[in-house]
Protein backbone atom coordinates (compact mmCIF):
# COMPACT_ATOMS: atom_id res chain seq x y z
CA MET A 1 -69.25 -40.13 -6.07
CA ASN A 2 -66.25 -41.32 -8.22
CA GLU A 3 -66.07 -43.44 -11.18
CA ASN A 4 -64.95 -46.91 -10.84
CA PHE A 5 -62.73 -49.00 -13.10
CA ALA A 6 -65.95 -50.34 -14.94
CA LEU A 7 -66.93 -46.79 -15.97
CA ILE A 8 -63.40 -45.59 -16.96
CA PRO A 9 -63.48 -45.60 -21.05
CA SER A 10 -60.70 -47.80 -22.38
CA LYS A 11 -59.45 -45.01 -24.61
CA ILE A 12 -59.34 -41.23 -23.47
CA ASP A 13 -57.66 -38.18 -24.84
CA ILE A 14 -55.92 -36.79 -21.86
CA ALA A 15 -54.95 -38.63 -18.56
CA ILE A 16 -53.84 -36.41 -15.85
CA ILE A 17 -52.05 -38.43 -12.91
CA GLY A 18 -52.37 -36.89 -9.59
CA ALA A 19 -55.12 -34.55 -8.13
CA GLY A 20 -53.02 -32.40 -5.97
CA PRO A 21 -52.67 -28.45 -6.53
CA GLN A 22 -50.79 -28.87 -9.54
CA ALA A 23 -53.20 -30.90 -11.31
CA LEU A 24 -56.15 -28.66 -10.04
CA THR A 25 -54.32 -25.59 -11.34
CA LEU A 26 -53.96 -27.22 -14.75
CA VAL A 27 -57.74 -28.17 -15.18
CA ALA A 28 -58.80 -24.91 -13.98
CA HIS A 29 -56.65 -23.09 -16.47
CA LEU A 30 -57.58 -25.52 -19.26
CA LEU A 31 -61.53 -24.93 -18.66
CA GLN A 32 -61.13 -21.21 -18.49
CA LYS A 33 -59.83 -21.24 -21.98
CA ARG A 34 -62.03 -23.83 -23.44
CA LYS A 35 -65.02 -25.52 -21.48
CA SER A 36 -65.28 -28.13 -24.03
CA MET A 37 -62.06 -29.77 -22.72
CA ARG A 38 -64.05 -30.95 -19.67
CA ARG A 39 -65.00 -34.36 -21.30
CA ARG A 40 -61.64 -34.87 -22.70
CA PHE A 41 -59.62 -35.45 -19.68
CA VAL A 42 -59.53 -37.96 -16.76
CA VAL A 43 -57.91 -37.34 -13.56
CA PHE A 44 -56.41 -40.56 -11.64
CA ASP A 45 -55.56 -40.34 -8.05
CA PRO A 46 -55.80 -43.26 -5.42
CA SER A 47 -58.01 -41.19 -3.07
CA GLY A 48 -60.65 -40.33 -5.48
CA ARG A 49 -60.70 -36.73 -4.28
CA TRP A 50 -58.81 -33.47 -5.12
CA LEU A 51 -56.08 -32.42 -2.73
CA THR A 52 -56.20 -35.41 -0.42
CA GLN A 53 -52.47 -35.63 0.13
CA TRP A 54 -52.01 -32.08 0.39
CA CYS A 55 -54.68 -31.64 3.15
CA HIS A 56 -53.41 -34.69 5.06
CA GLN A 57 -49.63 -33.18 5.04
CA PHE A 58 -50.86 -29.69 6.30
CA ALA A 59 -53.08 -31.32 8.89
CA ALA A 60 -50.38 -33.78 9.99
CA LEU A 61 -47.80 -31.02 10.66
CA GLU A 62 -50.43 -28.71 11.96
CA ILE A 63 -49.44 -26.04 9.61
CA PRO A 64 -51.42 -22.84 10.30
CA HIS A 65 -51.07 -21.03 7.27
CA LEU A 66 -49.27 -21.18 3.76
CA ARG A 67 -45.98 -19.65 2.88
CA SER A 68 -47.21 -18.28 -0.35
CA PRO A 69 -49.32 -15.02 -0.60
CA ALA A 70 -53.10 -15.08 -1.47
CA VAL A 71 -52.67 -14.39 -5.12
CA HIS A 72 -51.04 -17.97 -5.45
CA HIS A 73 -53.80 -20.61 -5.65
CA PRO A 74 -55.31 -22.93 -8.42
CA ASP A 75 -57.82 -20.51 -9.72
CA PRO A 76 -56.91 -18.71 -12.91
CA ASP A 77 -58.06 -15.37 -11.58
CA PRO A 78 -55.28 -14.24 -9.17
CA PHE A 79 -57.69 -12.05 -6.95
CA ALA A 80 -60.31 -14.91 -6.47
CA LEU A 81 -58.81 -16.00 -3.04
CA ARG A 82 -58.94 -12.40 -1.71
CA ARG A 83 -62.39 -11.97 -2.74
CA PHE A 84 -63.59 -15.40 -1.28
CA ALA A 85 -61.68 -14.04 2.06
CA GLN A 86 -63.52 -10.77 2.41
CA THR A 87 -65.49 -11.84 5.39
CA ARG A 88 -62.48 -13.91 6.88
CA ASP A 89 -59.72 -11.44 6.90
CA ARG A 90 -58.48 -12.57 10.07
CA GLU A 91 -57.34 -15.88 8.38
CA LEU A 92 -55.07 -13.86 6.08
CA PHE A 93 -51.75 -13.73 8.04
CA PRO A 94 -48.86 -11.16 7.59
CA PRO A 95 -47.04 -10.30 5.88
CA TYR A 96 -48.44 -10.25 2.38
CA ASP A 97 -51.89 -11.86 3.50
CA LEU A 98 -50.70 -15.54 3.75
CA PRO A 99 -53.92 -17.67 3.67
CA GLY A 100 -54.68 -19.72 6.71
CA THR A 101 -54.64 -23.49 5.88
CA GLU A 102 -58.65 -23.82 6.58
CA LEU A 103 -59.14 -20.95 4.42
CA PHE A 104 -57.32 -22.12 1.53
CA GLN A 105 -58.90 -25.42 1.71
CA ASP A 106 -62.17 -24.05 1.62
CA PHE A 107 -61.36 -21.72 -1.25
CA CYS A 108 -60.10 -24.74 -3.22
CA GLU A 109 -63.43 -26.68 -2.52
CA ASP A 110 -65.43 -23.53 -3.67
CA ALA A 111 -63.03 -23.45 -6.72
CA ILE A 112 -63.77 -27.24 -7.41
CA ALA A 113 -67.55 -26.73 -7.07
CA ARG A 114 -67.32 -23.47 -9.41
CA TRP A 115 -65.55 -25.44 -12.13
CA GLN A 116 -67.81 -28.44 -11.68
CA LEU A 117 -64.79 -30.89 -11.02
CA GLU A 118 -66.33 -32.71 -7.95
CA ASN A 119 -66.67 -35.95 -9.96
CA ARG A 120 -63.70 -35.65 -12.21
CA VAL A 121 -61.24 -37.65 -10.16
CA VAL A 122 -61.18 -41.37 -10.57
CA THR A 123 -60.28 -43.64 -7.62
CA ALA A 124 -57.25 -45.48 -9.18
CA LYS A 125 -53.50 -45.41 -8.80
CA VAL A 126 -51.44 -45.47 -12.04
CA ARG A 127 -48.68 -48.00 -11.54
CA ARG A 128 -47.23 -47.92 -15.12
CA ILE A 129 -47.01 -45.65 -18.21
CA GLU A 130 -46.24 -47.65 -21.20
CA PRO A 131 -45.50 -45.74 -24.52
CA LEU A 132 -47.18 -47.37 -27.62
CA VAL A 133 -45.39 -46.23 -30.68
CA GLY A 134 -47.10 -46.94 -34.12
CA THR A 135 -48.61 -45.36 -37.24
CA ARG A 136 -51.57 -43.92 -35.07
CA GLY A 137 -49.00 -41.46 -33.26
CA ASP A 138 -48.09 -41.00 -29.78
CA ARG A 139 -50.35 -43.07 -27.32
CA PHE A 140 -49.64 -44.46 -23.88
CA ARG A 141 -50.91 -47.52 -22.00
CA LEU A 142 -51.86 -46.85 -18.39
CA ALA A 143 -51.65 -49.86 -16.01
CA LEU A 144 -54.05 -49.33 -13.10
CA GLU A 145 -53.15 -50.75 -9.59
CA GLY A 146 -55.68 -53.00 -8.09
CA GLY A 147 -56.85 -55.12 -11.09
CA THR A 148 -56.14 -55.87 -14.46
CA SER A 149 -57.68 -52.66 -15.96
CA GLU A 150 -55.69 -50.74 -18.54
CA VAL A 151 -56.47 -47.35 -20.24
CA VAL A 152 -55.04 -46.01 -23.45
CA ALA A 153 -54.50 -42.43 -23.39
CA GLN A 154 -53.58 -40.17 -26.40
CA ARG A 155 -51.71 -37.56 -24.07
CA VAL A 156 -50.59 -37.71 -20.24
CA VAL A 157 -49.80 -35.10 -17.82
CA LEU A 158 -47.67 -36.36 -14.80
CA ALA A 159 -48.44 -34.26 -11.76
CA THR A 160 -47.81 -36.38 -8.82
CA GLY A 161 -45.71 -34.24 -6.44
CA GLY A 162 -42.40 -33.16 -5.51
CA GLY A 163 -40.23 -36.23 -5.42
CA THR A 164 -39.40 -39.17 -3.17
CA PRO A 165 -38.38 -38.76 0.50
CA HIS A 166 -34.81 -38.15 1.05
CA PHE A 167 -32.95 -40.25 3.84
CA PRO A 168 -29.30 -39.30 4.91
CA ASP A 169 -26.73 -41.79 4.03
CA TRP A 170 -26.30 -42.59 7.71
CA VAL A 171 -29.72 -44.21 7.91
CA SER A 172 -28.67 -46.85 5.81
CA ARG A 173 -25.73 -47.71 7.89
CA ILE A 174 -27.62 -48.15 11.00
CA GLN A 175 -26.75 -51.71 12.11
CA THR A 176 -28.79 -52.25 15.13
CA PRO A 177 -32.46 -53.08 14.86
CA TYR A 178 -34.83 -50.57 16.11
CA PRO A 179 -38.46 -49.98 16.27
CA SER A 180 -39.92 -48.50 13.17
CA ASP A 181 -41.62 -45.79 14.81
CA ARG A 182 -38.46 -44.42 16.43
CA LEU A 183 -37.03 -43.05 13.20
CA CYS A 184 -39.39 -41.51 10.61
CA HIS A 185 -39.31 -39.18 7.72
CA SER A 186 -41.60 -36.23 7.92
CA HIS A 187 -43.77 -37.70 5.26
CA GLN A 188 -44.48 -40.39 7.75
CA ILE A 189 -45.22 -38.38 10.68
CA ASP A 190 -48.63 -37.26 11.83
CA LEU A 191 -48.44 -35.11 14.93
CA ARG A 192 -51.93 -35.65 15.93
CA GLN A 193 -51.35 -39.27 16.63
CA LEU A 194 -48.15 -38.80 18.75
CA GLN A 195 -47.83 -38.65 22.78
CA LEU A 196 -44.51 -37.11 23.24
CA HIS A 197 -44.62 -35.89 26.77
CA GLY A 198 -41.14 -36.30 28.28
CA GLU A 199 -39.60 -37.79 25.42
CA ARG A 200 -36.24 -36.57 23.97
CA VAL A 201 -36.82 -35.86 20.33
CA LEU A 202 -33.96 -35.07 17.57
CA ILE A 203 -35.27 -33.39 14.51
CA VAL A 204 -32.77 -33.36 11.57
CA GLY A 205 -33.07 -30.48 9.31
CA GLY A 206 -33.16 -26.65 8.87
CA GLY A 207 -36.16 -26.06 6.69
CA LEU A 208 -39.64 -25.11 7.27
CA THR A 209 -40.98 -28.66 7.87
CA ALA A 210 -38.33 -29.09 10.60
CA GLY A 211 -39.63 -25.97 12.30
CA HIS A 212 -43.21 -27.35 12.35
CA LEU A 213 -42.11 -30.48 13.62
CA ALA A 214 -40.18 -29.00 16.56
CA ILE A 215 -43.18 -26.71 17.33
CA GLY A 216 -45.37 -29.79 17.43
CA ALA A 217 -43.05 -31.82 19.45
CA LEU A 218 -42.74 -28.95 22.08
CA LYS A 219 -46.47 -28.55 22.17
CA ARG A 220 -46.63 -32.21 23.26
CA GLY A 221 -44.14 -31.75 26.10
CA ALA A 222 -41.12 -33.04 24.48
CA LYS A 223 -37.59 -31.98 24.92
CA VAL A 224 -36.35 -31.23 21.46
CA MET A 225 -33.02 -30.98 19.62
CA LEU A 226 -32.95 -29.43 16.19
CA MET A 227 -29.85 -30.22 14.18
CA MET A 228 -28.84 -28.72 10.83
CA LYS A 229 -25.82 -28.90 8.54
CA ARG A 230 -25.88 -24.99 8.21
CA GLN A 231 -26.62 -22.12 10.03
CA LEU A 232 -30.51 -21.63 10.44
CA GLN A 233 -31.66 -19.45 7.50
CA GLU A 234 -34.43 -17.05 7.72
CA LYS A 235 -36.51 -16.25 4.62
CA LEU A 236 -40.10 -15.05 4.08
CA PHE A 237 -40.22 -17.32 0.90
CA ASP A 238 -38.33 -20.45 -0.12
CA ALA A 239 -37.14 -18.54 -3.37
CA ASP A 240 -36.61 -14.88 -4.06
CA PRO A 241 -39.98 -13.37 -5.26
CA GLY A 242 -37.95 -12.20 -8.35
CA TRP A 243 -38.50 -15.72 -9.69
CA LEU A 244 -42.17 -15.34 -9.99
CA GLY A 245 -41.90 -12.88 -12.88
CA PRO A 246 -39.58 -11.39 -15.47
CA LYS A 247 -36.96 -10.08 -12.99
CA TYR A 248 -35.16 -13.18 -13.04
CA LEU A 249 -37.11 -15.67 -15.27
CA LYS A 250 -36.10 -13.60 -18.47
CA GLU A 251 -32.65 -14.19 -18.11
CA PHE A 252 -33.15 -17.64 -16.86
CA SER A 253 -35.38 -18.44 -20.00
CA ARG A 254 -32.57 -17.11 -22.30
CA GLU A 255 -29.88 -19.26 -20.78
CA ALA A 256 -29.29 -22.10 -23.29
CA ASN A 257 -26.90 -24.16 -20.90
CA TRP A 258 -29.00 -26.45 -19.01
CA VAL A 259 -26.26 -27.13 -16.39
CA ALA A 260 -26.18 -23.18 -15.74
CA ARG A 261 -30.04 -23.39 -15.36
CA TRP A 262 -29.62 -26.15 -12.97
CA ARG A 263 -27.00 -24.26 -10.81
CA ALA A 264 -29.33 -21.19 -10.94
CA ILE A 265 -32.12 -23.28 -9.46
CA ALA A 266 -29.96 -24.75 -6.75
CA SER A 267 -28.67 -21.36 -5.91
CA ALA A 268 -32.09 -19.69 -5.70
CA ARG A 269 -33.44 -22.60 -3.36
CA ASN A 270 -30.31 -22.68 -1.45
CA GLY A 271 -31.33 -25.40 0.87
CA GLY A 272 -33.91 -25.37 3.52
CA SER A 273 -34.98 -22.13 5.29
CA MET A 274 -37.61 -20.92 7.98
CA THR A 275 -39.90 -18.07 8.05
CA PRO A 276 -39.00 -15.25 10.50
CA GLU A 277 -42.29 -16.16 12.37
CA VAL A 278 -41.20 -19.88 12.96
CA ALA A 279 -37.63 -18.87 13.72
CA THR A 280 -38.54 -16.48 16.24
CA GLN A 281 -40.81 -19.13 18.22
CA LEU A 282 -37.90 -21.63 17.97
CA ARG A 283 -35.49 -19.11 19.47
CA ARG A 284 -37.96 -18.20 22.26
CA GLU A 285 -38.20 -22.02 23.20
CA SER A 286 -34.62 -22.17 23.05
CA HIS A 287 -34.13 -19.37 25.66
CA ARG A 288 -36.72 -21.14 27.95
CA GLY A 289 -34.49 -24.41 27.80
CA ASN A 290 -37.09 -26.37 25.92
CA LEU A 291 -35.15 -26.44 22.69
CA ALA A 292 -31.49 -27.04 21.73
CA ILE A 293 -30.50 -25.78 18.50
CA TYR A 294 -27.22 -27.13 16.89
CA GLU A 295 -26.21 -25.50 13.77
CA SER A 296 -23.49 -26.57 11.49
CA CYS A 297 -23.78 -29.85 13.00
CA GLU A 298 -24.23 -33.23 11.10
CA VAL A 299 -25.20 -36.75 12.13
CA VAL A 300 -22.59 -39.32 11.14
CA SER A 301 -23.85 -42.48 12.71
CA ALA A 302 -26.62 -43.63 14.95
CA ARG A 303 -27.02 -46.81 17.18
CA TRP A 304 -30.26 -48.09 19.01
CA GLU A 305 -29.19 -49.33 22.26
CA ASN A 306 -31.01 -49.66 25.62
CA ARG A 307 -34.30 -48.43 24.09
CA GLN A 308 -32.74 -45.11 23.12
CA TRP A 309 -30.69 -43.59 20.38
CA GLN A 310 -26.97 -43.04 20.41
CA ILE A 311 -26.10 -40.17 17.77
CA MET A 312 -22.62 -39.41 16.73
CA CYS A 313 -22.12 -36.04 15.04
CA ASP A 314 -19.15 -34.76 12.87
CA ASP A 315 -17.85 -32.70 15.50
CA GLY A 316 -17.20 -35.61 17.84
CA ALA A 317 -20.19 -34.87 20.11
CA VAL A 318 -22.49 -37.71 21.28
CA TYR A 319 -26.07 -37.25 22.05
CA GLU A 320 -28.96 -39.44 23.42
CA CYS A 321 -32.56 -39.35 22.34
CA ASP A 322 -35.70 -41.37 22.22
CA ARG A 323 -36.90 -40.68 18.68
CA ILE A 324 -35.49 -39.14 15.41
CA GLU A 325 -37.60 -37.10 13.04
CA LEU A 326 -36.07 -36.64 9.39
CA ALA A 327 -37.13 -33.29 7.83
CA THR A 328 -34.64 -33.92 5.15
CA GLY A 329 -36.70 -32.94 2.11
CA THR A 330 -37.31 -34.84 -1.26
CA ARG A 331 -35.19 -35.90 -3.92
CA LEU A 332 -35.92 -35.19 -7.49
CA ASP A 333 -34.62 -37.81 -10.01
CA VAL A 334 -36.19 -38.66 -13.32
CA ALA A 335 -34.31 -41.82 -13.59
CA ALA A 336 -35.68 -43.06 -10.16
CA GLU A 337 -39.36 -42.29 -10.90
CA PRO A 338 -41.01 -45.41 -11.24
CA LEU A 339 -43.92 -44.33 -13.39
CA LEU A 340 -41.37 -43.13 -15.87
CA SER A 341 -39.35 -46.23 -16.21
CA GLU A 342 -40.81 -47.39 -19.53
CA VAL A 343 -40.90 -43.81 -20.97
CA CYS A 344 -37.20 -43.40 -20.36
CA LYS A 345 -36.52 -46.60 -22.32
CA VAL A 346 -38.51 -45.58 -25.37
CA TYR A 347 -37.90 -41.96 -25.15
CA PRO A 348 -34.56 -41.50 -23.24
CA PRO A 349 -34.32 -37.91 -22.00
CA GLU A 350 -31.41 -35.49 -21.64
CA SER A 351 -31.21 -34.79 -17.76
CA VAL A 352 -29.13 -32.52 -15.57
CA GLY A 353 -29.12 -32.90 -11.71
CA GLY A 354 -31.93 -35.52 -11.87
CA LEU A 355 -34.22 -33.01 -13.98
CA PRO A 356 -35.20 -33.98 -17.38
CA VAL A 357 -34.96 -31.38 -20.36
CA LEU A 358 -38.55 -30.68 -21.51
CA ASP A 359 -39.52 -28.41 -24.16
CA GLU A 360 -41.19 -25.02 -23.71
CA TYR A 361 -44.53 -26.56 -23.13
CA LEU A 362 -43.19 -29.00 -20.53
CA ARG A 363 -43.35 -31.95 -22.95
CA TRP A 364 -41.16 -34.90 -22.72
CA PRO A 365 -39.04 -35.21 -25.65
CA GLY A 366 -40.43 -37.24 -28.54
CA CYS A 367 -43.98 -37.85 -27.34
CA GLU A 368 -47.20 -36.19 -25.79
CA LEU A 369 -46.25 -36.83 -22.11
CA PHE A 370 -46.20 -33.47 -20.06
CA VAL A 371 -44.69 -32.90 -16.57
CA MET A 372 -45.57 -30.58 -13.85
CA GLY A 373 -44.05 -30.07 -10.44
CA GLY A 374 -40.37 -29.98 -9.20
CA LEU A 375 -39.42 -32.22 -12.29
CA ALA A 376 -40.24 -29.22 -14.64
CA ALA A 377 -37.72 -26.90 -13.06
CA LEU A 378 -35.47 -26.42 -15.96
CA GLN A 379 -38.09 -24.90 -17.70
CA VAL A 380 -40.29 -23.24 -15.07
CA GLY A 381 -37.44 -22.10 -12.72
CA PRO A 382 -36.81 -22.51 -8.90
CA VAL A 383 -40.57 -22.29 -7.98
CA ALA A 384 -41.85 -25.07 -10.04
CA ARG A 385 -43.10 -27.21 -7.23
CA ASN A 386 -44.85 -24.26 -5.46
CA LEU A 387 -48.44 -22.84 -6.36
CA ALA A 388 -46.90 -20.08 -8.48
CA GLY A 389 -44.90 -22.72 -10.37
CA ALA A 390 -48.19 -24.59 -10.89
CA ARG A 391 -49.75 -21.69 -12.58
CA MET A 392 -46.66 -21.10 -14.90
CA ALA A 393 -46.76 -24.92 -15.74
CA GLY A 394 -50.74 -24.80 -16.10
CA ASP A 395 -50.51 -21.87 -18.80
CA ARG A 396 -47.87 -23.77 -20.80
CA ILE A 397 -49.40 -27.16 -20.72
CA SER A 398 -52.93 -26.12 -21.06
CA ALA A 399 -51.93 -24.29 -24.47
CA ALA A 400 -50.22 -27.28 -25.90
CA LEU A 401 -53.41 -29.55 -24.99
CA ARG A 402 -55.82 -27.08 -26.31
CA LYS A 403 -54.12 -26.17 -29.73
CA PRO A 404 -53.83 -28.72 -32.41
CA SER A 405 -51.02 -26.58 -33.92
CA LEU A 406 -48.95 -27.37 -30.94
CA ARG A 407 -49.27 -31.09 -30.97
CA ARG A 408 -46.07 -33.00 -31.57
CA SER A 409 -47.74 -35.87 -33.47
CA LEU A 410 -51.21 -35.88 -34.73
CA GLY A 411 -52.71 -39.31 -34.51
CA GLN A 412 -56.36 -40.21 -33.89
CA SER A 413 -57.68 -38.33 -30.82
CA TYR A 414 -59.71 -40.18 -28.36
CA THR A 415 -62.34 -38.53 -26.21
CA LEU A 416 -64.61 -39.90 -23.41
CA ALA A 417 -67.47 -42.08 -24.09
CA ALA A 418 -69.61 -39.51 -22.42
CA LYS A 419 -69.00 -36.79 -25.18
């Protein structure tokens, strides 16, 4: 049961935009330190529920388990998931006890119930954040989609995800009309709804998402081509575990040059990679003749002709397929984030490589807007968009939200009418 527009107070203290793992982590950390904060925040998400998009993406790609070990999750207690899994140890996968998808979802539901957060998500999409500058300090007007409703928030936390889908340049140069379901980004694909038996499927990308798409297509009887710009990279995690603690973060935090930080982030993530488990499955299918892996190969153009794709590559090779699936990741660019367009006009940020320069509490320069996820990487580091990064961000932001001494501007504080 969720609040509707009519029940949302017109003035609130803290607006949290997004109800994914990042937002859930922040709220749990906030309440652990101060339970009285419960009535001071409202979470906005179009689904009206926690983790809806996250659960959909894992189910749509049939991902069996997380890439992060069991100590990484939204609850403040790092060992809470291990205790929850005491009778479900078969759902912790080697190495490092990677939680199964169903186990992780059940644990999050349990955490939501323990922190009494079931009804804290409002079914509403925020379509605009407008800064209000005046004598009463920082405030923001939030315009909600689906009506004329507006909410004024004293402070805002943006926790909406990891960027916008990235399409390679050659996609925009396709001149021949084609059916929309014959070229899709991974964000648009739901393997559960596809019938692929006998089809030739080209998957573009070398990361773990590409691996999951390939395995899903092979299970459905497709002949699969997997094409990537580099050699296939095998890594247990998408960034070295040293980035989870002082081994690398201490030096990273001391680095005063933002460009140097951005380069360190790019180097640490180093493009897409696959886990050894997935890479082994793909090589096995390659030996069986069901999968062709093209490394150091890049599409330069595509043409839809005679109900199939003609694909031209940079090495001069030409391939034919029935369907193209793009596992080309997302792009983080603060200047292209629609929700932040008005904020950028009033409080122009310094940015490097599309990432904004935030303060140590992940606060936007000049106002009480906080940012979680990939856009906070210049402060949090290469794991900013992951569960471990959510914990780091949650610690920083919750401190600033709780402590009046850390407020940038002290205007009138609004609280929920229920208080």
